[in-house]
Amino acid sequence: MKTVLMTAFEPFGGESINPSWEAVSALEGKEIAGARIVIRQLPVVFSDVLDVLYQALNEVKPDAILSVGQAGGRSDITVERIGINVDDARIPDNAGHQPVDEAIVAGGPAAYFSRLPIKAIVAALREAGIPASVSQTAGTFTCNRVMYGLLHWLAQQETPVRGGFIHIPYLPEQAAQHPGAPSMSAANVIQALEIAVRVTLETGEDLKLAGGATH
């Protein structure tokens, strides 16, 4: 049976939960499109997060990888297009570190494009009635570090395995502490991730649909 590795983060930035971990935890051991889901939690610590990710990749040897993270303030499921080779933290990580303008991989490519069928995932989510869009930036915090680090690892391994990153909004109980912030229910997020896994496994060439941004 194929295996899909899904990663998510511990809470950070003063939050008591991280919606990515709450949602991904619900998928542990589930079978989707003939593949078994294996999950791992990642630390929100710049110096440690890629070591934990690479250990998981070497242990699980997955057929696909979907990393998930919190994007408080976003209103929909955002499938990331690109990871860039820079750490530039607006806030300290959970170990108190705050790198500024530091390369993730010294001498590495400036960026990597997602290996997920990002347009097909967005289309399937919208068809299911779940708000979704392509995102042109994964930020410059640990989420982007994971996306870039994952795609760099896959490139170094010279493997065709698919991998990429998806951001999700706050859960309602988090948004209640941030007046005016959008949110999405855990049930909808879990459904969205199930769809993303299925589309990743069942889609060959990605759809060619408009998903760009004007600013």
N, C-alpha and C. Protein backbone atom coordinates (compact mmCIF):
# COMPACT_ATOMS: atom_id res chain seq x y z
N MET A 1 0.83 -1.20 0.00
CA MET A 1 0.00 0.00 0.00
C MET A 1 0.87 1.25 0.00
N LYS A 2 0.45 2.24 -0.77
CA LYS A 2 1.16 3.51 -0.77
C LYS A 2 1.01 4.21 0.57
N THR A 3 1.93 5.14 0.83
CA THR A 3 1.91 5.91 2.07
C THR A 3 2.00 7.39 1.75
N VAL A 4 1.17 8.17 2.42
CA VAL A 4 1.24 9.63 2.32
C VAL A 4 1.66 10.17 3.67
N LEU A 5 2.75 10.92 3.69
CA LEU A 5 3.19 11.59 4.91
C LEU A 5 2.54 12.97 4.97
N MET A 6 1.87 13.24 6.09
CA MET A 6 1.31 14.57 6.31
C MET A 6 1.96 15.15 7.56
N THR A 7 2.49 16.35 7.44
CA THR A 7 3.10 17.02 8.58
C THR A 7 2.28 18.25 8.96
N ALA A 8 2.36 18.60 10.23
CA ALA A 8 1.69 19.79 10.75
C ALA A 8 2.50 20.30 11.93
N PHE A 9 2.15 21.47 12.41
CA PHE A 9 2.98 22.15 13.40
C PHE A 9 2.36 22.17 14.80
N GLU A 10 3.23 22.33 15.76
CA GLU A 10 2.82 22.61 17.13
C GLU A 10 2.30 24.05 17.21
N PRO A 11 1.60 24.41 18.29
CA PRO A 11 1.14 25.79 18.44
C PRO A 11 2.31 26.78 18.51
N PHE A 12 2.06 28.00 18.11
CA PHE A 12 3.08 29.05 18.18
C PHE A 12 2.39 30.40 18.27
N GLY A 13 3.20 31.43 18.51
CA GLY A 13 2.69 32.79 18.50
C GLY A 13 1.64 33.07 19.55
N GLY A 14 1.70 32.35 20.67
CA GLY A 14 0.75 32.58 21.75
C GLY A 14 -0.54 31.80 21.63
N GLU A 15 -0.72 31.02 20.57
CA GLU A 15 -1.92 30.20 20.41
C GLU A 15 -1.81 28.93 21.25
N SER A 16 -2.94 28.44 21.74
CA SER A 16 -2.94 27.21 22.54
C SER A 16 -3.07 25.96 21.67
N ILE A 17 -3.53 26.14 20.43
CA ILE A 17 -3.63 25.04 19.49
C ILE A 17 -3.09 25.49 18.14
N ASN A 18 -2.80 24.53 17.28
CA ASN A 18 -2.47 24.83 15.90
C ASN A 18 -3.47 24.07 15.04
N PRO A 19 -4.26 24.77 14.22
CA PRO A 19 -5.31 24.09 13.45
C PRO A 19 -4.76 23.04 12.50
N SER A 20 -3.52 23.22 12.05
CA SER A 20 -2.93 22.22 11.15
C SER A 20 -2.80 20.87 11.86
N TRP A 21 -2.33 20.90 13.10
CA TRP A 21 -2.17 19.64 13.84
C TRP A 21 -3.52 19.06 14.23
N GLU A 22 -4.47 19.92 14.60
CA GLU A 22 -5.80 19.44 14.95
C GLU A 22 -6.43 18.69 13.78
N ALA A 23 -6.27 19.22 12.58
CA ALA A 23 -6.88 18.60 11.40
C ALA A 23 -6.12 17.36 10.95
N VAL A 24 -4.81 17.46 10.86
CA VAL A 24 -4.01 16.33 10.38
C VAL A 24 -4.11 15.14 11.34
N SER A 25 -4.22 15.42 12.63
CA SER A 25 -4.33 14.33 13.61
C SER A 25 -5.54 13.44 13.33
N ALA A 26 -6.59 14.03 12.79
CA ALA A 26 -7.81 13.27 12.51
C ALA A 26 -7.63 12.28 11.36
N LEU A 27 -6.55 12.42 10.60
CA LEU A 27 -6.33 11.57 9.43
C LEU A 27 -5.33 10.45 9.67
N GLU A 28 -4.74 10.39 10.85
CA GLU A 28 -3.75 9.36 11.15
C GLU A 28 -4.32 7.97 10.90
N GLY A 29 -3.59 7.19 10.06
CA GLY A 29 -3.97 5.81 9.78
C GLY A 29 -5.10 5.64 8.79
N LYS A 30 -5.70 6.72 8.33
CA LYS A 30 -6.82 6.63 7.40
C LYS A 30 -6.32 6.21 6.02
N GLU A 31 -7.15 5.50 5.27
CA GLU A 31 -6.83 5.13 3.91
C GLU A 31 -7.60 6.04 2.95
N ILE A 32 -6.86 6.68 2.05
CA ILE A 32 -7.45 7.58 1.06
C ILE A 32 -6.87 7.22 -0.29
N ALA A 33 -7.72 6.92 -1.25
CA ALA A 33 -7.30 6.59 -2.61
C ALA A 33 -6.23 5.51 -2.63
N GLY A 34 -6.39 4.51 -1.77
CA GLY A 34 -5.47 3.39 -1.73
C GLY A 34 -4.16 3.66 -1.02
N ALA A 35 -4.08 4.74 -0.28
CA ALA A 35 -2.84 5.08 0.45
C ALA A 35 -3.16 5.27 1.93
N ARG A 36 -2.20 4.91 2.76
CA ARG A 36 -2.34 5.07 4.20
C ARG A 36 -1.70 6.38 4.63
N ILE A 37 -2.38 7.11 5.49
CA ILE A 37 -1.87 8.39 5.98
C ILE A 37 -1.02 8.17 7.23
N VAL A 38 0.19 8.74 7.21
CA VAL A 38 1.08 8.77 8.37
C VAL A 38 1.33 10.22 8.71
N ILE A 39 1.24 10.58 9.97
CA ILE A 39 1.39 11.99 10.35
C ILE A 39 2.60 12.19 11.25
N ARG A 40 3.14 13.40 11.20
CA ARG A 40 4.23 13.80 12.08
C ARG A 40 4.03 15.26 12.47
N GLN A 41 4.31 15.58 13.74
CA GLN A 41 4.26 16.96 14.18
C GLN A 41 5.66 17.58 14.06
N LEU A 42 5.69 18.81 13.56
CA LEU A 42 6.95 19.54 13.40
C LEU A 42 7.04 20.66 14.42
N PRO A 43 8.24 20.93 14.92
CA PRO A 43 8.41 22.05 15.85
C PRO A 43 8.47 23.38 15.12
N VAL A 44 7.97 24.42 15.75
CA VAL A 44 8.09 25.77 15.18
C VAL A 44 9.40 26.36 15.69
N VAL A 45 10.48 25.73 15.25
CA VAL A 45 11.84 26.11 15.65
C VAL A 45 12.72 26.01 14.40
N PHE A 46 13.24 27.13 13.94
CA PHE A 46 14.00 27.16 12.71
C PHE A 46 15.13 26.14 12.69
N SER A 47 15.86 26.03 13.80
CA SER A 47 17.06 25.19 13.82
C SER A 47 16.75 23.70 13.84
N ASP A 48 15.52 23.33 14.18
CA ASP A 48 15.19 21.91 14.35
C ASP A 48 14.21 21.36 13.32
N VAL A 49 13.41 22.22 12.71
CA VAL A 49 12.26 21.73 11.96
C VAL A 49 12.65 20.86 10.77
N LEU A 50 13.70 21.20 10.05
CA LEU A 50 14.06 20.38 8.90
C LEU A 50 14.68 19.06 9.31
N ASP A 51 15.40 19.03 10.42
CA ASP A 51 15.92 17.76 10.92
C ASP A 51 14.78 16.79 11.22
N VAL A 52 13.73 17.30 11.85
CA VAL A 52 12.58 16.46 12.18
C VAL A 52 11.87 16.01 10.90
N LEU A 53 11.73 16.92 9.95
CA LEU A 53 11.10 16.57 8.68
C LEU A 53 11.90 15.50 7.94
N TYR A 54 13.21 15.69 7.85
CA TYR A 54 14.03 14.74 7.09
C TYR A 54 14.08 13.38 7.76
N GLN A 55 14.05 13.35 9.08
CA GLN A 55 13.99 12.08 9.79
C GLN A 55 12.70 11.34 9.44
N ALA A 56 11.59 12.08 9.40
CA ALA A 56 10.30 11.48 9.03
C ALA A 56 10.32 10.96 7.60
N LEU A 57 10.90 11.73 6.70
CA LEU A 57 10.98 11.30 5.30
C LEU A 57 11.78 10.02 5.16
N ASN A 58 12.88 9.93 5.87
CA ASN A 58 13.73 8.74 5.79
C ASN A 58 13.08 7.53 6.44
N GLU A 59 12.30 7.76 7.50
CA GLU A 59 11.63 6.65 8.19
C GLU A 59 10.43 6.14 7.40
N VAL A 60 9.61 7.05 6.92
CA VAL A 60 8.34 6.68 6.29
C VAL A 60 8.52 6.30 4.83
N LYS A 61 9.45 6.95 4.14
CA LYS A 61 9.66 6.75 2.70
C LYS A 61 8.32 6.86 1.95
N PRO A 62 7.69 8.01 2.05
CA PRO A 62 6.33 8.18 1.52
C PRO A 62 6.28 8.25 0.00
N ASP A 63 5.09 7.99 -0.52
CA ASP A 63 4.83 8.13 -1.94
C ASP A 63 4.37 9.54 -2.29
N ALA A 64 3.98 10.31 -1.28
CA ALA A 64 3.60 11.72 -1.45
C ALA A 64 3.69 12.38 -0.08
N ILE A 65 3.94 13.69 -0.08
CA ILE A 65 4.05 14.44 1.17
C ILE A 65 3.22 15.70 1.06
N LEU A 66 2.34 15.91 2.04
CA LEU A 66 1.59 17.15 2.15
C LEU A 66 1.87 17.76 3.52
N SER A 67 2.51 18.91 3.51
CA SER A 67 2.77 19.63 4.74
C SER A 67 1.69 20.70 4.90
N VAL A 68 1.24 20.89 6.14
CA VAL A 68 0.12 21.79 6.41
C VAL A 68 0.50 22.75 7.52
N GLY A 69 0.08 23.99 7.40
CA GLY A 69 0.40 24.99 8.41
C GLY A 69 -0.72 26.00 8.60
N GLN A 70 -0.67 26.71 9.71
CA GLN A 70 -1.64 27.75 10.05
C GLN A 70 -1.30 29.06 9.35
N ALA A 71 -2.34 29.67 8.78
CA ALA A 71 -2.20 31.01 8.21
C ALA A 71 -3.31 31.87 8.78
N GLY A 72 -3.14 32.32 10.01
CA GLY A 72 -4.13 33.17 10.65
C GLY A 72 -4.34 34.44 9.85
N GLY A 73 -5.59 34.75 9.56
CA GLY A 73 -5.91 35.92 8.76
C GLY A 73 -6.37 35.57 7.36
N ARG A 74 -5.98 34.39 6.87
CA ARG A 74 -6.47 33.95 5.57
C ARG A 74 -7.85 33.34 5.75
N SER A 75 -8.68 33.48 4.71
CA SER A 75 -10.08 33.06 4.83
C SER A 75 -10.37 31.74 4.15
N ASP A 76 -9.41 31.19 3.40
CA ASP A 76 -9.68 29.97 2.66
C ASP A 76 -8.50 29.01 2.74
N ILE A 77 -8.68 27.83 2.17
CA ILE A 77 -7.60 26.87 2.04
C ILE A 77 -6.69 27.38 0.93
N THR A 78 -5.43 27.60 1.24
CA THR A 78 -4.51 28.15 0.24
C THR A 78 -3.41 27.14 -0.07
N VAL A 79 -3.38 26.73 -1.32
CA VAL A 79 -2.39 25.75 -1.79
C VAL A 79 -1.19 26.53 -2.32
N GLU A 80 -0.05 26.32 -1.70
CA GLU A 80 1.12 27.15 -2.01
C GLU A 80 1.77 26.76 -3.33
N ARG A 81 2.12 27.78 -4.12
CA ARG A 81 2.77 27.56 -5.40
C ARG A 81 4.29 27.44 -5.27
N ILE A 82 4.90 28.21 -4.34
CA ILE A 82 6.36 28.35 -4.36
C ILE A 82 6.94 28.49 -2.96
N GLY A 83 8.11 27.90 -2.74
CA GLY A 83 8.88 28.09 -1.52
C GLY A 83 10.17 28.80 -1.86
N ILE A 84 10.55 29.80 -1.08
CA ILE A 84 11.74 30.60 -1.40
C ILE A 84 12.85 30.38 -0.37
N ASN A 85 14.07 30.61 -0.82
CA ASN A 85 15.25 30.28 -0.02
C ASN A 85 15.63 31.40 0.94
N VAL A 86 14.72 31.72 1.87
CA VAL A 86 15.05 32.74 2.85
C VAL A 86 14.21 32.56 4.12
N ASP A 87 14.86 32.74 5.25
CA ASP A 87 14.18 32.88 6.54
C ASP A 87 14.20 34.35 6.91
N ASP A 88 13.04 34.91 7.21
CA ASP A 88 12.94 36.32 7.60
C ASP A 88 11.77 36.42 8.57
N ALA A 89 12.04 36.17 9.84
CA ALA A 89 10.99 35.98 10.83
C ALA A 89 10.47 37.30 11.38
N ARG A 90 9.16 37.50 11.28
CA ARG A 90 8.52 38.69 11.86
C ARG A 90 8.44 38.57 13.37
N ILE A 91 8.30 37.33 13.86
CA ILE A 91 8.22 37.05 15.29
C ILE A 91 9.22 35.96 15.62
N PRO A 92 9.64 35.83 16.88
CA PRO A 92 10.53 34.73 17.26
C PRO A 92 9.82 33.39 17.14
N ASP A 93 10.61 32.33 16.91
CA ASP A 93 10.04 30.99 16.91
C ASP A 93 9.87 30.51 18.34
N ASN A 94 9.50 29.27 18.53
CA ASN A 94 9.21 28.77 19.88
C ASN A 94 10.44 28.58 20.75
N ALA A 95 11.62 28.77 20.15
CA ALA A 95 12.85 28.72 20.93
C ALA A 95 13.43 30.12 21.12
N GLY A 96 12.69 31.13 20.68
CA GLY A 96 13.14 32.50 20.83
C GLY A 96 14.07 32.99 19.74
N HIS A 97 14.23 32.20 18.68
CA HIS A 97 15.10 32.59 17.57
C HIS A 97 14.32 33.40 16.53
N GLN A 98 14.99 34.37 15.94
CA GLN A 98 14.34 35.23 14.95
C GLN A 98 15.32 35.56 13.83
N PRO A 99 15.57 34.58 12.93
CA PRO A 99 16.50 34.83 11.84
C PRO A 99 15.95 35.88 10.88
N VAL A 100 16.84 36.70 10.36
CA VAL A 100 16.47 37.75 9.41
C VAL A 100 17.36 37.65 8.19
N ASP A 101 16.74 37.52 7.03
CA ASP A 101 17.44 37.50 5.74
C ASP A 101 18.54 36.44 5.71
N GLU A 102 18.23 35.25 6.18
CA GLU A 102 19.18 34.14 6.16
C GLU A 102 18.73 33.07 5.18
N ALA A 103 19.66 32.54 4.39
CA ALA A 103 19.33 31.48 3.44
C ALA A 103 18.95 30.20 4.18
N ILE A 104 17.98 29.51 3.66
CA ILE A 104 17.64 28.20 4.21
C ILE A 104 18.70 27.18 3.82
N VAL A 105 19.10 27.21 2.55
CA VAL A 105 20.16 26.35 2.04
C VAL A 105 21.19 27.24 1.38
N ALA A 106 22.36 27.37 1.99
CA ALA A 106 23.41 28.22 1.42
C ALA A 106 23.76 27.76 0.02
N GLY A 107 23.69 28.66 -0.93
CA GLY A 107 24.01 28.33 -2.31
C GLY A 107 22.91 27.58 -3.04
N GLY A 108 21.77 27.38 -2.38
CA GLY A 108 20.66 26.66 -3.01
C GLY A 108 19.92 27.54 -4.00
N PRO A 109 19.05 26.92 -4.81
CA PRO A 109 18.24 27.71 -5.75
C PRO A 109 17.41 28.76 -5.02
N ALA A 110 17.08 29.82 -5.70
CA ALA A 110 16.29 30.89 -5.09
C ALA A 110 14.92 30.39 -4.67
N ALA A 111 14.37 29.42 -5.41
CA ALA A 111 13.01 28.96 -5.12
C ALA A 111 12.76 27.60 -5.75
N TYR A 112 11.72 26.94 -5.25
CA TYR A 112 11.22 25.70 -5.85
C TYR A 112 9.71 25.83 -6.01
N PHE A 113 9.19 25.30 -7.12
CA PHE A 113 7.75 25.22 -7.31
C PHE A 113 7.21 23.95 -6.67
N SER A 114 5.99 24.04 -6.16
CA SER A 114 5.32 22.88 -5.58
C SER A 114 5.26 21.74 -6.58
N ARG A 115 5.30 20.53 -6.05
CA ARG A 115 5.11 19.35 -6.89
C ARG A 115 3.68 18.83 -6.82
N LEU A 116 2.83 19.51 -6.10
CA LEU A 116 1.43 19.12 -6.02
C LEU A 116 0.67 19.64 -7.25
N PRO A 117 -0.43 18.98 -7.62
CA PRO A 117 -1.29 19.51 -8.67
C PRO A 117 -2.16 20.63 -8.09
N ILE A 118 -1.57 21.79 -7.92
CA ILE A 118 -2.18 22.84 -7.10
C ILE A 118 -3.49 23.35 -7.69
N LYS A 119 -3.56 23.50 -9.00
CA LYS A 119 -4.80 23.99 -9.62
C LYS A 119 -5.92 22.94 -9.51
N ALA A 120 -5.56 21.68 -9.67
CA ALA A 120 -6.56 20.61 -9.57
C ALA A 120 -7.09 20.50 -8.14
N ILE A 121 -6.22 20.69 -7.16
CA ILE A 121 -6.66 20.66 -5.77
C ILE A 121 -7.64 21.79 -5.49
N VAL A 122 -7.29 22.99 -5.92
CA VAL A 122 -8.16 24.15 -5.70
C VAL A 122 -9.52 23.93 -6.38
N ALA A 123 -9.49 23.42 -7.61
CA ALA A 123 -10.74 23.20 -8.34
C ALA A 123 -11.61 22.17 -7.62
N ALA A 124 -11.01 21.11 -7.12
CA ALA A 124 -11.77 20.07 -6.42
C ALA A 124 -12.34 20.59 -5.11
N LEU A 125 -11.58 21.41 -4.42
CA LEU A 125 -12.09 21.98 -3.17
C LEU A 125 -13.27 22.90 -3.43
N ARG A 126 -13.17 23.73 -4.43
CA ARG A 126 -14.29 24.62 -4.76
C ARG A 126 -15.51 23.83 -5.19
N GLU A 127 -15.30 22.76 -5.94
CA GLU A 127 -16.41 21.91 -6.38
C GLU A 127 -17.12 21.31 -5.17
N ALA A 128 -16.36 21.05 -4.09
CA ALA A 128 -16.93 20.50 -2.87
C ALA A 128 -17.53 21.57 -1.97
N GLY A 129 -17.48 22.83 -2.42
CA GLY A 129 -18.06 23.91 -1.63
C GLY A 129 -17.15 24.46 -0.56
N ILE A 130 -15.84 24.20 -0.70
CA ILE A 130 -14.87 24.67 0.28
C ILE A 130 -14.06 25.82 -0.33
N PRO A 131 -14.04 27.00 0.29
CA PRO A 131 -13.27 28.12 -0.25
C PRO A 131 -11.79 27.76 -0.37
N ALA A 132 -11.21 28.03 -1.54
CA ALA A 132 -9.80 27.66 -1.77
C ALA A 132 -9.22 28.53 -2.87
N SER A 133 -7.90 28.68 -2.84
CA SER A 133 -7.20 29.44 -3.86
C SER A 133 -5.74 29.03 -3.89
N VAL A 134 -5.09 29.39 -4.98
CA VAL A 134 -3.64 29.24 -5.08
C VAL A 134 -3.00 30.42 -4.37
N SER A 135 -1.99 30.15 -3.55
CA SER A 135 -1.25 31.22 -2.87
C SER A 135 0.12 31.35 -3.53
N GLN A 136 0.53 32.60 -3.71
CA GLN A 136 1.83 32.86 -4.34
C GLN A 136 2.96 33.00 -3.33
N THR A 137 2.65 32.93 -2.04
CA THR A 137 3.71 33.05 -1.04
C THR A 137 3.37 32.23 0.19
N ALA A 138 4.34 31.44 0.63
CA ALA A 138 4.20 30.67 1.87
C ALA A 138 4.78 31.43 3.05
N GLY A 139 5.03 32.74 2.85
CA GLY A 139 5.61 33.55 3.91
C GLY A 139 7.12 33.35 4.00
N THR A 140 7.69 33.75 5.12
CA THR A 140 9.14 33.58 5.34
C THR A 140 9.41 33.06 6.74
N PHE A 141 8.39 32.41 7.33
CA PHE A 141 8.54 31.83 8.67
C PHE A 141 8.80 30.32 8.51
N THR A 142 8.49 29.53 9.50
CA THR A 142 8.84 28.10 9.44
C THR A 142 8.03 27.33 8.39
N CYS A 143 6.84 27.80 8.03
CA CYS A 143 6.08 27.13 6.98
C CYS A 143 6.85 27.15 5.66
N ASN A 144 7.33 28.32 5.28
CA ASN A 144 8.12 28.43 4.06
C ASN A 144 9.41 27.61 4.18
N ARG A 145 10.02 27.60 5.35
CA ARG A 145 11.24 26.81 5.54
C ARG A 145 10.96 25.33 5.28
N VAL A 146 9.83 24.85 5.76
CA VAL A 146 9.46 23.45 5.53
C VAL A 146 9.19 23.20 4.05
N MET A 147 8.44 24.09 3.41
CA MET A 147 8.15 23.89 1.99
C MET A 147 9.43 23.87 1.16
N TYR A 148 10.28 24.87 1.36
CA TYR A 148 11.53 24.93 0.60
C TYR A 148 12.40 23.72 0.94
N GLY A 149 12.53 23.43 2.23
CA GLY A 149 13.38 22.31 2.65
C GLY A 149 12.91 20.99 2.11
N LEU A 150 11.59 20.78 2.09
CA LEU A 150 11.03 19.56 1.53
C LEU A 150 11.34 19.44 0.04
N LEU A 151 11.08 20.50 -0.71
CA LEU A 151 11.29 20.45 -2.15
C LEU A 151 12.77 20.34 -2.50
N HIS A 152 13.63 20.94 -1.68
CA HIS A 152 15.07 20.80 -1.89
C HIS A 152 15.48 19.35 -1.66
N TRP A 153 14.96 18.74 -0.62
CA TRP A 153 15.27 17.33 -0.31
C TRP A 153 14.84 16.43 -1.45
N LEU A 154 13.63 16.66 -1.96
CA LEU A 154 13.15 15.84 -3.07
C LEU A 154 14.02 16.02 -4.31
N ALA A 155 14.46 17.25 -4.57
CA ALA A 155 15.33 17.50 -5.72
C ALA A 155 16.67 16.80 -5.54
N GLN A 156 17.22 16.84 -4.33
CA GLN A 156 18.50 16.19 -4.07
C GLN A 156 18.39 14.67 -4.19
N GLN A 157 17.23 14.13 -3.85
CA GLN A 157 17.01 12.68 -3.95
C GLN A 157 16.74 12.25 -5.39
N GLU A 158 16.51 13.21 -6.25
CA GLU A 158 16.20 12.94 -7.66
C GLU A 158 15.04 11.96 -7.79
N THR A 159 13.99 12.22 -7.01
CA THR A 159 12.81 11.38 -6.99
C THR A 159 11.62 12.12 -7.58
N PRO A 160 10.71 11.41 -8.26
CA PRO A 160 9.51 12.07 -8.79
C PRO A 160 8.40 12.21 -7.76
N VAL A 161 8.64 11.85 -6.51
CA VAL A 161 7.62 11.91 -5.46
C VAL A 161 7.05 13.33 -5.37
N ARG A 162 5.73 13.39 -5.22
CA ARG A 162 5.07 14.67 -5.12
C ARG A 162 5.12 15.20 -3.69
N GLY A 163 5.23 16.51 -3.56
CA GLY A 163 5.22 17.13 -2.25
C GLY A 163 4.93 18.61 -2.36
N GLY A 164 4.39 19.16 -1.29
CA GLY A 164 4.10 20.58 -1.28
C GLY A 164 3.46 21.00 0.03
N PHE A 165 2.94 22.21 0.04
CA PHE A 165 2.47 22.82 1.29
C PHE A 165 1.09 23.43 1.10
N ILE A 166 0.26 23.30 2.15
CA ILE A 166 -1.08 23.88 2.17
C ILE A 166 -1.26 24.66 3.47
N HIS A 167 -1.74 25.89 3.35
CA HIS A 167 -2.05 26.70 4.52
C HIS A 167 -3.55 26.66 4.80
N ILE A 168 -3.91 26.69 6.07
CA ILE A 168 -5.31 26.68 6.47
C ILE A 168 -5.59 27.85 7.42
N PRO A 169 -6.86 28.29 7.49
CA PRO A 169 -7.20 29.41 8.37
C PRO A 169 -7.25 29.00 9.85
N TYR A 170 -7.46 29.98 10.70
CA TYR A 170 -7.76 29.71 12.10
C TYR A 170 -8.99 28.81 12.22
N LEU A 171 -9.06 28.05 13.30
CA LEU A 171 -10.31 27.42 13.70
C LEU A 171 -11.19 28.48 14.38
N PRO A 172 -12.51 28.26 14.43
CA PRO A 172 -13.40 29.27 15.04
C PRO A 172 -13.01 29.64 16.46
N GLU A 173 -12.57 28.66 17.27
CA GLU A 173 -12.23 28.97 18.65
C GLU A 173 -10.99 29.87 18.74
N GLN A 174 -10.13 29.82 17.73
CA GLN A 174 -9.00 30.76 17.69
C GLN A 174 -9.47 32.14 17.23
N ALA A 175 -10.28 32.16 16.19
CA ALA A 175 -10.75 33.44 15.65
C ALA A 175 -11.55 34.22 16.67
N ALA A 176 -12.17 33.51 17.61
CA ALA A 176 -12.94 34.19 18.66
C ALA A 176 -12.04 35.07 19.52
N GLN A 177 -10.75 34.76 19.55
CA GLN A 177 -9.78 35.56 20.30
C GLN A 177 -9.13 36.63 19.44
N HIS A 178 -9.49 36.66 18.16
CA HIS A 178 -8.95 37.66 17.21
C HIS A 178 -10.13 38.29 16.49
N PRO A 179 -10.83 39.22 17.13
CA PRO A 179 -12.04 39.78 16.54
C PRO A 179 -11.85 40.23 15.10
N GLY A 180 -12.75 39.78 14.24
CA GLY A 180 -12.70 40.13 12.83
C GLY A 180 -11.93 39.16 11.97
N ALA A 181 -11.17 38.23 12.60
CA ALA A 181 -10.37 37.27 11.82
C ALA A 181 -11.27 36.18 11.25
N PRO A 182 -11.03 35.78 10.01
CA PRO A 182 -11.81 34.69 9.42
C PRO A 182 -11.40 33.35 10.01
N SER A 183 -12.26 32.34 9.82
CA SER A 183 -11.97 31.01 10.33
C SER A 183 -12.64 29.97 9.45
N MET A 184 -12.31 28.71 9.71
CA MET A 184 -12.93 27.59 9.02
C MET A 184 -13.08 26.46 10.01
N SER A 185 -14.21 25.76 9.95
CA SER A 185 -14.45 24.67 10.89
C SER A 185 -13.46 23.53 10.70
N ALA A 186 -13.21 22.80 11.77
CA ALA A 186 -12.32 21.65 11.70
C ALA A 186 -12.84 20.63 10.69
N ALA A 187 -14.16 20.42 10.66
CA ALA A 187 -14.74 19.45 9.74
C ALA A 187 -14.45 19.82 8.28
N ASN A 188 -14.56 21.10 7.96
CA ASN A 188 -14.28 21.53 6.58
C ASN A 188 -12.80 21.41 6.24
N VAL A 189 -11.95 21.73 7.20
CA VAL A 189 -10.51 21.62 6.95
C VAL A 189 -10.12 20.15 6.74
N ILE A 190 -10.65 19.27 7.57
CA ILE A 190 -10.35 17.84 7.43
C ILE A 190 -10.83 17.33 6.08
N GLN A 191 -12.04 17.72 5.69
CA GLN A 191 -12.55 17.33 4.38
C GLN A 191 -11.65 17.85 3.27
N ALA A 192 -11.20 19.09 3.41
CA ALA A 192 -10.32 19.70 2.40
C ALA A 192 -9.01 18.92 2.26
N LEU A 193 -8.44 18.52 3.37
CA LEU A 193 -7.18 17.78 3.32
C LEU A 193 -7.37 16.39 2.72
N GLU A 194 -8.49 15.76 3.01
CA GLU A 194 -8.79 14.47 2.39
C GLU A 194 -8.87 14.62 0.87
N ILE A 195 -9.54 15.67 0.44
CA ILE A 195 -9.65 15.93 -1.00
C ILE A 195 -8.28 16.20 -1.60
N ALA A 196 -7.46 16.99 -0.91
CA ALA A 196 -6.12 17.31 -1.42
C ALA A 196 -5.28 16.06 -1.58
N VAL A 197 -5.37 15.14 -0.64
CA VAL A 197 -4.63 13.88 -0.75
C VAL A 197 -5.12 13.08 -1.95
N ARG A 198 -6.44 12.96 -2.07
CA ARG A 198 -7.01 12.17 -3.16
C ARG A 198 -6.61 12.75 -4.52
N VAL A 199 -6.71 14.04 -4.67
CA VAL A 199 -6.36 14.67 -5.94
C VAL A 199 -4.87 14.49 -6.23
N THR A 200 -4.04 14.62 -5.23
CA THR A 200 -2.60 14.43 -5.41
C THR A 200 -2.29 13.04 -5.93
N LEU A 201 -2.98 12.05 -5.40
CA LEU A 201 -2.71 10.66 -5.79
C LEU A 201 -3.34 10.28 -7.12
N GLU A 202 -4.44 10.91 -7.47
CA GLU A 202 -5.19 10.48 -8.65
C GLU A 202 -5.01 11.36 -9.87
N THR A 203 -4.39 12.52 -9.72
CA THR A 203 -4.23 13.45 -10.83
C THR A 203 -2.86 13.33 -11.46
N GLY A 204 -2.84 13.22 -12.79
CA GLY A 204 -1.57 13.21 -13.50
C GLY A 204 -1.11 14.64 -13.74
N GLU A 205 -1.34 15.14 -14.91
CA GLU A 205 -0.97 16.52 -15.23
C GLU A 205 -1.94 17.48 -14.58
N ASP A 206 -1.43 18.55 -14.02
CA ASP A 206 -2.27 19.53 -13.35
C ASP A 206 -3.16 20.25 -14.35
N LEU A 207 -4.26 20.79 -13.85
CA LEU A 207 -5.15 21.58 -14.69
C LEU A 207 -4.50 22.91 -15.05
N LYS A 208 -4.87 23.43 -16.21
CA LYS A 208 -4.35 24.74 -16.63
C LYS A 208 -5.48 25.75 -16.50
N LEU A 209 -5.59 26.30 -15.31
CA LEU A 209 -6.63 27.26 -14.97
C LEU A 209 -5.98 28.51 -14.39
N ALA A 210 -6.65 29.64 -14.56
CA ALA A 210 -6.13 30.88 -13.98
C ALA A 210 -6.12 30.76 -12.45
N GLY A 211 -4.97 31.07 -11.87
CA GLY A 211 -4.84 31.04 -10.42
C GLY A 211 -3.86 32.08 -9.91
N GLY A 212 -3.59 33.05 -10.77
CA GLY A 212 -2.61 34.06 -10.44
C GLY A 212 -3.20 35.18 -9.60
N ALA A 213 -2.38 36.18 -9.34
CA ALA A 213 -2.78 37.33 -8.52
C ALA A 213 -2.33 38.61 -9.20
N THR A 214 -3.07 39.69 -8.98
CA THR A 214 -2.69 40.97 -9.56
C THR A 214 -1.82 41.80 -8.65
N HIS A 215 -1.73 41.40 -7.37
CA HIS A 215 -0.87 42.11 -6.44
C HIS A 215 -0.50 41.20 -5.29
